[in-house]
Amino acid sequence: MNTLRNFYALRAVVAFAWVGLAIASRGHPALVVGTLLVLYPLWDAVANVVDARRNGGLAANPGQRFNAVTSVLAALGMGVAFATHGNAGGVFFFGLWALLAGVFQLAVGIRRRKLGGQAFMMISGAQSGLAGIAFVVRSMGTAPEVSQLAPYAAFGGLYFALSAVWLTFRRPPAAPVTR
């Protein structure tokens, strides 16, 4: 349980660091902004692989396997779309990724609910899916800047932090009584 708690805490720290960098990216060259867009799903891919390996491997965790693959493909697509269509292209792929990653996160949270601290992951997954739809729609008009995606990452970080706190103070299940 400590491993999962520490992992969730690390994910929270990385999300909050990305938020800070995204806010600070306002007015910076496109290369900085594009790099930030690509790094977020790449980190998600790495995190899903590490978490799956600690919990039986990728074969035993199909939601995380698909999430990792989706995140890598989204990062590649995001990079190409940002380079060819600017912010609108990058945000469009970010939205697609957020939608798919949210669905997979929701599925993993449901599967792990007996471990505790998963209610926050399920809420986060559902919220990510809805935010993804909003990003896709917004990218077709005036696409938000990367700094405007910061609340999405901040909520993700908050949910990981809450899960880590929950797992820190959760009482272990009582041992079965034997006679």
Protein backbone atom coordinates (compact mmCIF):
# COMPACT_ATOMS: atom_id res chain seq x y z
CA MET A 1 0.00 0.00 0.00
CA ASN A 2 2.91 2.36 0.74
CA THR A 3 4.17 1.86 -2.81
CA LEU A 4 0.85 2.96 -4.30
CA ARG A 5 0.65 5.90 -1.89
CA ASN A 6 4.16 7.05 -2.79
CA PHE A 7 3.45 6.61 -6.47
CA TYR A 8 0.30 8.73 -6.23
CA ALA A 9 2.26 11.39 -4.34
CA LEU A 10 4.90 11.44 -7.10
CA ARG A 11 2.20 11.79 -9.76
CA ALA A 12 0.73 14.72 -7.83
CA VAL A 13 4.13 16.46 -7.62
CA VAL A 14 4.77 16.01 -11.34
CA ALA A 15 1.29 17.31 -12.23
CA PHE A 16 1.76 20.40 -10.06
CA ALA A 17 5.22 21.00 -11.56
CA TRP A 18 3.69 20.81 -15.06
CA VAL A 19 1.03 23.31 -13.99
CA GLY A 20 3.73 25.74 -12.88
CA LEU A 21 5.63 25.32 -16.15
CA ALA A 22 2.45 25.67 -18.22
CA ILE A 23 1.54 28.93 -16.49
CA ALA A 24 5.11 30.19 -16.89
CA SER A 25 5.07 29.28 -20.61
CA ARG A 26 2.84 32.22 -21.54
CA GLY A 27 4.63 34.27 -24.14
CA HIS A 28 7.42 31.74 -24.63
CA PRO A 29 8.43 30.37 -28.03
CA ALA A 30 6.29 27.68 -29.65
CA LEU A 31 9.00 25.07 -29.03
CA VAL A 32 8.58 25.46 -25.26
CA VAL A 33 4.78 25.29 -25.47
CA GLY A 34 4.83 22.30 -27.83
CA THR A 35 7.32 20.49 -25.61
CA LEU A 36 5.07 20.96 -22.58
CA LEU A 37 2.08 19.60 -24.51
CA VAL A 38 4.02 16.49 -25.51
CA LEU A 39 5.63 15.89 -22.10
CA TYR A 40 2.37 15.58 -20.18
CA PRO A 41 1.05 12.49 -21.99
CA LEU A 42 4.56 11.00 -22.19
CA TRP A 43 4.82 11.21 -18.41
CA ASP A 44 1.39 9.58 -18.17
CA ALA A 45 2.61 6.72 -20.38
CA VAL A 46 5.69 6.16 -18.21
CA ALA A 47 3.62 6.36 -15.02
CA ASN A 48 1.13 3.78 -16.31
CA VAL A 49 3.89 1.36 -17.29
CA VAL A 50 5.64 1.71 -13.92
CA ASP A 51 2.38 1.29 -12.00
CA ALA A 52 1.32 -1.72 -14.07
CA ARG A 53 4.68 -3.41 -13.60
CA ARG A 54 4.35 -3.03 -9.84
CA ASN A 55 0.89 -4.59 -9.96
CA GLY A 56 1.25 -7.74 -12.02
CA GLY A 57 2.54 -6.37 -15.33
CA LEU A 58 0.97 -4.86 -18.41
CA ALA A 59 -0.76 -8.10 -19.40
CA ALA A 60 -2.62 -8.18 -16.07
CA ASN A 61 -3.56 -4.50 -16.36
CA PRO A 62 -5.13 -3.90 -19.78
CA GLY A 63 -6.48 -0.46 -18.84
CA GLN A 64 -3.01 0.77 -18.02
CA ARG A 65 -1.51 -0.93 -21.07
CA PHE A 66 -4.00 0.78 -23.37
CA ASN A 67 -3.55 4.06 -21.51
CA ALA A 68 0.23 3.89 -21.99
CA VAL A 69 -0.09 3.13 -25.71
CA THR A 70 -2.72 5.84 -26.15
CA SER A 71 -0.53 8.35 -24.30
CA VAL A 72 2.52 7.65 -26.48
CA LEU A 73 0.46 7.86 -29.68
CA ALA A 74 -1.22 11.05 -28.45
CA ALA A 75 2.14 12.63 -27.63
CA LEU A 76 3.41 11.86 -31.14
CA GLY A 77 0.19 13.11 -32.73
CA MET A 78 0.23 16.16 -30.50
CA GLY A 79 3.76 17.03 -31.55
CA VAL A 80 2.96 16.71 -35.25
CA ALA A 81 -0.37 18.55 -34.93
CA PHE A 82 1.24 21.37 -32.94
CA ALA A 83 4.06 21.70 -35.48
CA THR A 84 1.67 21.78 -38.44
CA HIS A 85 -1.45 23.50 -37.01
CA GLY A 86 -0.16 25.40 -34.00
CA ASN A 87 -1.96 25.57 -30.71
CA ALA A 88 -5.30 24.41 -32.14
CA GLY A 89 -3.78 21.17 -33.41
CA GLY A 90 -1.93 20.51 -30.17
CA VAL A 91 -4.99 21.20 -28.02
CA PHE A 92 -7.14 19.00 -30.27
CA PHE A 93 -4.84 16.01 -29.66
CA PHE A 94 -4.53 16.93 -25.98
CA GLY A 95 -8.32 16.75 -25.78
CA LEU A 96 -8.48 13.37 -27.53
CA TRP A 97 -5.83 12.06 -25.19
CA ALA A 98 -7.57 13.46 -22.08
CA LEU A 99 -10.82 11.79 -23.15
CA LEU A 100 -9.26 8.37 -23.74
CA ALA A 101 -6.92 8.53 -20.74
CA GLY A 102 -9.86 9.48 -18.55
CA VAL A 103 -11.88 6.49 -19.68
CA PHE A 104 -8.94 4.16 -19.01
CA GLN A 105 -8.26 5.78 -15.60
CA LEU A 106 -11.90 5.35 -14.66
CA ALA A 107 -11.72 1.66 -15.61
CA VAL A 108 -8.52 1.14 -13.58
CA GLY A 109 -10.05 2.92 -10.57
CA ILE A 110 -13.14 0.71 -10.74
CA ARG A 111 -10.97 -2.39 -11.01
CA ARG A 112 -8.84 -1.34 -8.00
CA ARG A 113 -11.59 0.06 -5.79
CA LYS A 114 -10.94 -2.51 -3.05
CA LEU A 115 -7.42 -1.11 -2.56
CA GLY A 116 -8.87 2.16 -1.29
CA GLY A 117 -8.29 5.72 -2.46
CA GLN A 118 -9.78 4.89 -5.85
CA ALA A 119 -12.89 7.07 -5.61
CA PHE A 120 -10.67 10.05 -6.41
CA MET A 121 -9.18 8.20 -9.38
CA MET A 122 -12.65 7.37 -10.70
CA ILE A 123 -13.77 10.99 -10.34
CA SER A 124 -10.56 12.14 -12.00
CA GLY A 125 -11.07 9.73 -14.89
CA ALA A 126 -14.63 10.91 -15.47
CA GLN A 127 -13.58 14.56 -15.23
CA SER A 128 -10.67 13.95 -17.62
CA GLY A 129 -13.02 12.47 -20.18
CA LEU A 130 -15.37 15.45 -19.96
CA ALA A 131 -12.48 17.92 -20.11
CA GLY A 132 -11.14 16.10 -23.15
CA ILE A 133 -14.41 16.63 -24.97
CA ALA A 134 -14.33 20.33 -24.01
CA PHE A 135 -10.74 20.70 -25.28
CA VAL A 136 -11.59 19.09 -28.63
CA VAL A 137 -14.56 21.41 -29.06
CA ARG A 138 -12.57 24.49 -28.01
CA SER A 139 -9.71 23.61 -30.38
CA MET A 140 -12.09 24.04 -33.29
CA GLY A 141 -12.64 27.69 -32.39
CA THR A 142 -10.09 29.80 -30.58
CA ALA A 143 -7.92 27.13 -29.01
CA PRO A 144 -6.91 27.69 -25.40
CA GLU A 145 -3.28 28.40 -24.66
CA VAL A 146 -1.28 25.77 -22.83
CA SER A 147 -1.47 27.89 -19.69
CA GLN A 148 -5.26 27.50 -19.87
CA LEU A 149 -4.85 23.72 -19.70
CA ALA A 150 -3.20 24.10 -16.29
CA PRO A 151 -6.46 23.66 -14.31
CA TYR A 152 -6.93 20.26 -15.97
CA ALA A 153 -3.50 19.11 -14.75
CA ALA A 154 -4.02 20.77 -11.36
CA PHE A 155 -7.21 18.78 -10.76
CA GLY A 156 -5.37 15.62 -11.78
CA GLY A 157 -2.60 16.44 -9.31
CA LEU A 158 -5.16 17.17 -6.61
CA TYR A 159 -6.86 13.82 -7.12
CA PHE A 160 -3.53 11.98 -6.93
CA ALA A 161 -2.63 13.92 -3.77
CA LEU A 162 -6.00 13.11 -2.18
CA SER A 163 -5.56 9.43 -3.02
CA ALA A 164 -2.09 9.45 -1.46
CA VAL A 165 -3.45 11.09 1.71
CA TRP A 166 -6.35 8.63 1.82
CA LEU A 167 -3.96 5.69 1.57
CA THR A 168 -1.75 7.22 4.28
CA PHE A 169 -4.52 7.38 6.85
CA ARG A 170 -6.63 4.44 5.77
CA ARG A 171 -6.93 1.68 8.31
CA PRO A 172 -5.82 -1.68 7.00
CA PRO A 173 -8.62 -4.21 6.59
CA ALA A 174 -9.24 -6.30 9.68
CA ALA A 175 -7.82 -9.79 9.60
CA PRO A 176 -10.46 -12.52 9.39
CA VAL A 177 -11.30 -14.14 12.68
CA THR A 178 -10.39 -17.81 12.79
CA ARG A 179 -11.55 -20.31 15.33
